[in-house]
Amino acid sequence: MSRKKKHNENHIDESWLLPYSDLLTLLVALFIVLFAMSEIDSEKYNQLSTVFQEEFSGGASFMEESNAPNESTVDIPEDEEEHEKPEDPKQVSKEDEELEELETIQEHINSYIKEEDLEEVFDTKLTDEGLLLTILNDISFDSGSAEVKERGQRLAKDVSELLYTDPPHQIVVSGHADDRPVYNAEFASNWELSVMRAINFMGLILENDKLDPGKFSAKGYGEHQPIVPNNSEANRAKNRRVEVLILPNYDITTNE
């Protein structure tokens, strides 16, 4: 009598592997799509596509049925769009606005100079460094003295009104002298004399409560920065001066 073969009760059913592998493939496809949506780098996409094709080469590849993202159709982030937008030609830059403001201040000061008949002793010049006001010492100081004369005091008061701006500017007041040495007990050199003249003139300007003292500074150069050679009385008079430099809040470019 023949024996029937017993069914192997220990045999493991592996039919679950097929849906499991399909699930893994779908998960990989999901990660690929998420990656492609977050990165606009087609080269990285193609590299990753090649890796997964090699790993899952046993069946139809998701990569074979889909196309790599096209940069022309992918949404560009807002920050990149803003960067690529052409500049509005009507939009005025901060540098241009600053230059226009200093030019306006210069026009007001030049009008004041003309009204007060100060063309011989007061001048303005706009450069890349800022707006420079030059006041010859003879209108403001006696020889060898740092005390501001009455006419210089009125001038400092009027200048203080013209220096008020919103927003404020950094302002440097500097004193200069000619090459003739000073002979008195108060000052040992033209350097000390020029410093005190700058400080005293600045002090009068700052009597205007609208101005911020924190924006002001004073310097003295003595005879070491002449604008013309000290070879005549007329040139020495030009070198004896107080300068007020209005610094721009933004870099500017002028024709000077």
Protein backbone atom coordinates (compact mmCIF):
# COMPACT_ATOMS: atom_id res chain seq x y z
CA MET A 1 0.00 0.00 0.00
CA SER A 2 1.48 3.27 -1.13
CA ARG A 3 1.82 6.09 1.27
CA LYS A 4 0.54 9.52 0.46
CA LYS A 5 3.06 12.26 0.72
CA LYS A 6 2.38 14.49 3.63
CA HIS A 7 1.90 18.10 2.84
CA ASN A 8 4.82 20.13 4.21
CA GLU A 9 3.18 22.07 6.96
CA ASN A 10 6.32 24.14 7.51
CA HIS A 11 6.22 25.74 4.04
CA ILE A 12 6.10 29.61 4.28
CA ASP A 13 3.77 31.45 1.99
CA GLU A 14 5.82 34.17 0.20
CA SER A 15 2.96 35.69 -1.75
CA TRP A 16 3.08 38.79 0.53
CA LEU A 17 6.45 39.78 -0.91
CA LEU A 18 4.93 41.03 -4.15
CA PRO A 19 2.61 43.69 -2.64
CA TYR A 20 5.37 44.55 -0.16
CA SER A 21 7.84 45.23 -2.96
CA ASP A 22 5.19 47.28 -4.77
CA LEU A 23 4.67 49.31 -1.63
CA LEU A 24 8.39 49.98 -1.35
CA THR A 25 8.47 51.05 -4.99
CA LEU A 26 5.61 53.48 -4.39
CA LEU A 27 7.36 54.90 -1.34
CA VAL A 28 10.54 55.42 -3.35
CA ALA A 29 8.50 57.08 -6.09
CA LEU A 30 6.94 59.39 -3.49
CA PHE A 31 10.35 60.41 -2.14
CA ILE A 32 11.58 61.07 -5.66
CA VAL A 33 8.61 63.32 -6.41
CA LEU A 34 9.07 65.21 -3.12
CA PHE A 35 12.77 65.62 -3.83
CA ALA A 36 12.09 66.86 -7.36
CA MET A 37 9.57 69.38 -6.04
CA SER A 38 12.01 70.78 -3.48
CA GLU A 39 15.08 70.99 -5.71
CA ILE A 40 15.39 72.63 -9.13
CA ASP A 41 18.61 70.84 -9.94
CA SER A 42 18.02 68.51 -12.90
CA GLU A 43 21.56 67.15 -12.67
CA LYS A 44 20.96 65.89 -9.10
CA TYR A 45 17.60 64.48 -10.21
CA ASN A 46 19.16 62.50 -13.05
CA GLN A 47 21.89 61.15 -10.77
CA LEU A 48 19.35 59.97 -8.22
CA SER A 49 17.20 58.50 -10.99
CA THR A 50 20.12 56.42 -12.25
CA VAL A 51 20.84 55.06 -8.75
CA PHE A 52 17.26 53.88 -8.23
CA GLN A 53 17.05 52.37 -11.69
CA GLU A 54 20.10 50.25 -10.90
CA GLU A 55 18.63 49.19 -7.55
CA PHE A 56 15.17 48.31 -8.95
CA SER A 57 16.15 46.99 -12.37
CA GLY A 58 14.00 43.87 -11.94
CA GLY A 59 10.81 45.48 -13.27
CA ALA A 60 9.38 48.44 -15.05
CA SER A 61 11.02 51.52 -13.62
CA PHE A 62 9.13 54.53 -12.42
CA MET A 63 12.01 56.61 -13.79
CA GLU A 64 11.52 55.22 -17.28
CA GLU A 65 7.87 56.31 -17.36
CA SER A 66 8.36 59.80 -15.98
CA ASN A 67 10.22 62.76 -17.30
CA ALA A 68 12.89 64.72 -15.44
CA PRO A 69 11.70 68.09 -14.22
CA ASN A 70 11.96 70.81 -16.81
CA GLU A 71 13.47 73.99 -15.42
CA SER A 72 11.30 76.04 -17.76
CA THR A 73 8.13 74.65 -16.16
CA VAL A 74 9.21 74.44 -12.52
CA ASP A 75 7.98 77.24 -10.27
CA ILE A 76 10.76 79.63 -9.35
CA PRO A 77 10.93 80.67 -5.68
CA GLU A 78 9.69 84.17 -4.97
CA ASP A 79 13.11 85.41 -3.82
CA GLU A 80 14.65 84.34 -7.14
CA GLU A 81 11.83 85.99 -9.09
CA GLU A 82 12.41 89.25 -7.27
CA HIS A 83 16.12 89.01 -7.96
CA GLU A 84 15.55 88.50 -11.66
CA LYS A 85 13.06 91.33 -12.06
CA PRO A 86 14.54 94.24 -14.02
CA GLU A 87 15.11 97.39 -12.02
CA ASP A 88 12.48 100.04 -12.33
CA PRO A 89 14.13 102.95 -14.19
CA LYS A 90 11.85 105.35 -12.34
CA GLN A 91 13.06 104.18 -8.96
CA VAL A 92 15.59 106.60 -7.50
CA SER A 93 18.44 105.02 -5.54
CA LYS A 94 19.46 106.13 -2.08
CA GLU A 95 22.72 107.46 -3.52
CA ASP A 96 20.86 109.67 -6.01
CA GLU A 97 18.52 110.93 -3.29
CA GLU A 98 21.50 111.78 -1.10
CA LEU A 99 23.21 113.66 -3.91
CA GLU A 100 20.03 115.62 -4.62
CA GLU A 101 19.69 116.53 -0.93
CA LEU A 102 23.26 117.84 -0.72
CA GLU A 103 22.76 119.80 -3.94
CA THR A 104 19.66 121.39 -2.42
CA ILE A 105 21.60 122.34 0.72
CA GLN A 106 24.34 123.82 -1.45
CA GLU A 107 21.79 125.90 -3.38
CA HIS A 108 20.36 127.31 -0.14
CA ILE A 109 23.82 128.18 1.18
CA ASN A 110 24.85 129.76 -2.11
CA SER A 111 21.69 131.87 -2.04
CA TYR A 112 22.57 132.97 1.49
CA ILE A 113 26.12 133.84 0.40
CA LYS A 114 24.79 135.99 -2.43
CA GLU A 115 22.19 137.74 -0.26
CA GLU A 116 24.78 138.58 2.40
CA ASP A 117 27.41 139.59 -0.16
CA LEU A 118 29.89 136.99 1.14
CA GLU A 119 31.29 135.72 -2.17
CA GLU A 120 34.81 136.87 -1.27
CA VAL A 121 34.97 135.04 2.05
CA PHE A 122 32.50 132.13 1.84
CA ASP A 123 32.43 129.30 -0.72
CA THR A 124 30.85 125.85 -1.21
CA LYS A 125 32.04 122.80 -3.11
CA LEU A 126 30.31 119.45 -3.60
CA THR A 127 32.59 116.42 -4.05
CA ASP A 128 32.40 112.66 -3.54
CA GLU A 129 33.53 113.29 0.04
CA GLY A 130 30.56 115.55 0.79
CA LEU A 131 29.51 119.22 0.76
CA LEU A 132 32.40 121.45 1.86
CA LEU A 133 31.79 124.98 3.19
CA THR A 134 34.89 127.19 3.32
CA ILE A 135 34.90 130.36 5.42
CA LEU A 136 37.99 132.57 5.44
CA ASN A 137 39.27 133.35 8.93
CA ASP A 138 39.44 137.11 8.43
CA ILE A 139 35.65 137.39 8.69
CA SER A 140 35.52 135.36 11.91
CA PHE A 141 38.80 135.79 13.82
CA ASP A 142 41.40 138.44 14.56
CA SER A 143 45.02 137.53 13.85
CA GLY A 144 46.40 135.06 16.40
CA SER A 145 43.03 134.78 18.21
CA ALA A 146 40.56 131.91 18.51
CA GLU A 147 37.71 134.10 19.74
CA VAL A 148 34.98 134.39 17.12
CA LYS A 149 34.26 137.97 16.11
CA GLU A 150 30.74 139.38 16.11
CA ARG A 151 30.32 138.99 12.37
CA GLY A 152 31.58 135.40 12.59
CA GLN A 153 29.06 134.70 15.35
CA ARG A 154 26.17 135.84 13.15
CA LEU A 155 27.58 133.73 10.34
CA ALA A 156 27.80 130.63 12.56
CA LYS A 157 24.19 131.12 13.65
CA ASP A 158 22.95 131.40 10.07
CA VAL A 159 25.01 128.38 8.99
CA SER A 160 23.54 126.31 11.84
CA GLU A 161 20.05 126.78 10.38
CA LEU A 162 21.27 125.61 6.98
CA LEU A 163 22.93 122.52 8.48
CA TYR A 164 19.71 121.08 9.90
CA THR A 165 18.55 118.05 7.89
CA ASP A 166 16.26 115.09 8.48
CA PRO A 167 17.82 112.59 8.73
CA PRO A 168 20.87 114.37 10.19
CA HIS A 169 24.38 114.20 8.68
CA GLN A 170 27.79 113.78 10.23
CA ILE A 171 29.55 117.18 10.18
CA VAL A 172 33.26 117.89 10.61
CA VAL A 173 34.49 121.40 11.46
CA SER A 174 38.20 121.95 10.81
CA GLY A 175 40.56 124.87 11.31
CA HIS A 176 43.49 125.81 9.06
CA ALA A 177 46.27 128.40 9.21
CA ASP A 178 48.95 129.85 6.96
CA ASP A 179 52.67 129.10 7.36
CA ARG A 180 53.54 132.09 9.53
CA PRO A 181 54.23 131.04 13.12
CA VAL A 182 51.98 132.37 15.87
CA TYR A 183 53.59 134.55 18.54
CA ASN A 184 51.56 134.85 21.74
CA ALA A 185 51.29 133.32 25.19
CA GLU A 186 47.95 131.61 24.48
CA PHE A 187 49.00 129.29 21.65
CA ALA A 188 52.31 127.55 21.10
CA SER A 189 51.66 126.74 17.43
CA ASN A 190 49.30 127.24 14.52
CA TRP A 191 48.10 123.74 15.20
CA GLU A 192 46.71 124.65 18.61
CA LEU A 193 45.27 127.89 17.22
CA SER A 194 43.49 126.10 14.37
CA VAL A 195 42.03 123.49 16.73
CA MET A 196 40.57 126.11 19.09
CA ARG A 197 39.13 128.10 16.19
CA ALA A 198 37.35 125.00 14.92
CA ILE A 199 36.04 124.15 18.40
CA ASN A 200 34.81 127.69 19.11
CA PHE A 201 33.10 128.01 15.73
CA MET A 202 31.48 124.58 16.18
CA GLY A 203 30.30 125.58 19.65
CA LEU A 204 28.43 128.54 18.20
CA ILE A 205 26.80 126.31 15.56
CA LEU A 206 25.65 123.87 18.26
CA GLU A 207 23.76 126.61 20.09
CA ASN A 208 21.03 125.60 17.66
CA ASP A 209 18.99 123.07 19.67
CA LYS A 210 17.75 121.36 16.50
CA LEU A 211 21.24 119.99 15.80
CA ASP A 212 22.59 116.79 17.34
CA PRO A 213 26.01 117.37 19.00
CA GLY A 214 26.76 113.67 18.58
CA LYS A 215 26.97 114.22 14.82
CA PHE A 216 29.69 116.90 15.11
CA SER A 217 33.47 116.70 15.44
CA ALA A 218 36.30 119.27 15.31
CA LYS A 219 39.80 119.04 13.84
CA GLY A 220 42.80 121.32 13.54
CA TYR A 221 45.40 121.07 10.79
CA GLY A 222 47.54 124.14 11.43
CA GLU A 223 49.45 125.11 8.30
CA HIS A 224 49.75 121.50 7.07
CA GLN A 225 46.88 121.43 4.54
CA PRO A 226 47.14 124.60 2.44
CA ILE A 227 44.83 124.90 -0.57
CA VAL A 228 47.30 127.22 -2.36
CA PRO A 229 51.05 127.86 -1.87
CA ASN A 230 51.90 130.28 0.94
CA ASN A 231 53.85 132.54 -1.41
CA SER A 232 51.76 135.72 -1.22
CA GLU A 233 49.50 137.58 1.21
CA ALA A 234 46.47 136.77 -0.94
CA ASN A 235 47.27 133.04 -0.83
CA ARG A 236 47.95 133.10 2.90
CA ALA A 237 44.53 134.67 3.42
CA LYS A 238 42.95 131.74 1.52
CA ASN A 239 44.80 129.21 3.67
CA ARG A 240 43.56 130.86 6.90
CA ARG A 241 40.13 129.31 6.96
CA VAL A 242 37.48 127.26 8.76
CA GLU A 243 35.87 124.41 6.84
CA VAL A 244 32.55 122.71 7.55
CA LEU A 245 32.21 119.34 5.82
CA ILE A 246 28.74 117.79 5.55
CA LEU A 247 29.29 114.06 5.07
CA PRO A 248 26.80 112.09 2.94
CA ASN A 249 24.77 109.33 4.58
CA TYR A 250 25.30 107.23 1.41
CA ASP A 251 28.17 107.10 -1.06
CA ILE A 252 27.74 109.68 -3.78
CA THR A 253 29.43 110.34 -7.11
CA THR A 254 29.80 113.84 -8.46
CA ASN A 255 31.46 115.34 -11.50
CA GLU A 256 34.21 116.88 -9.39
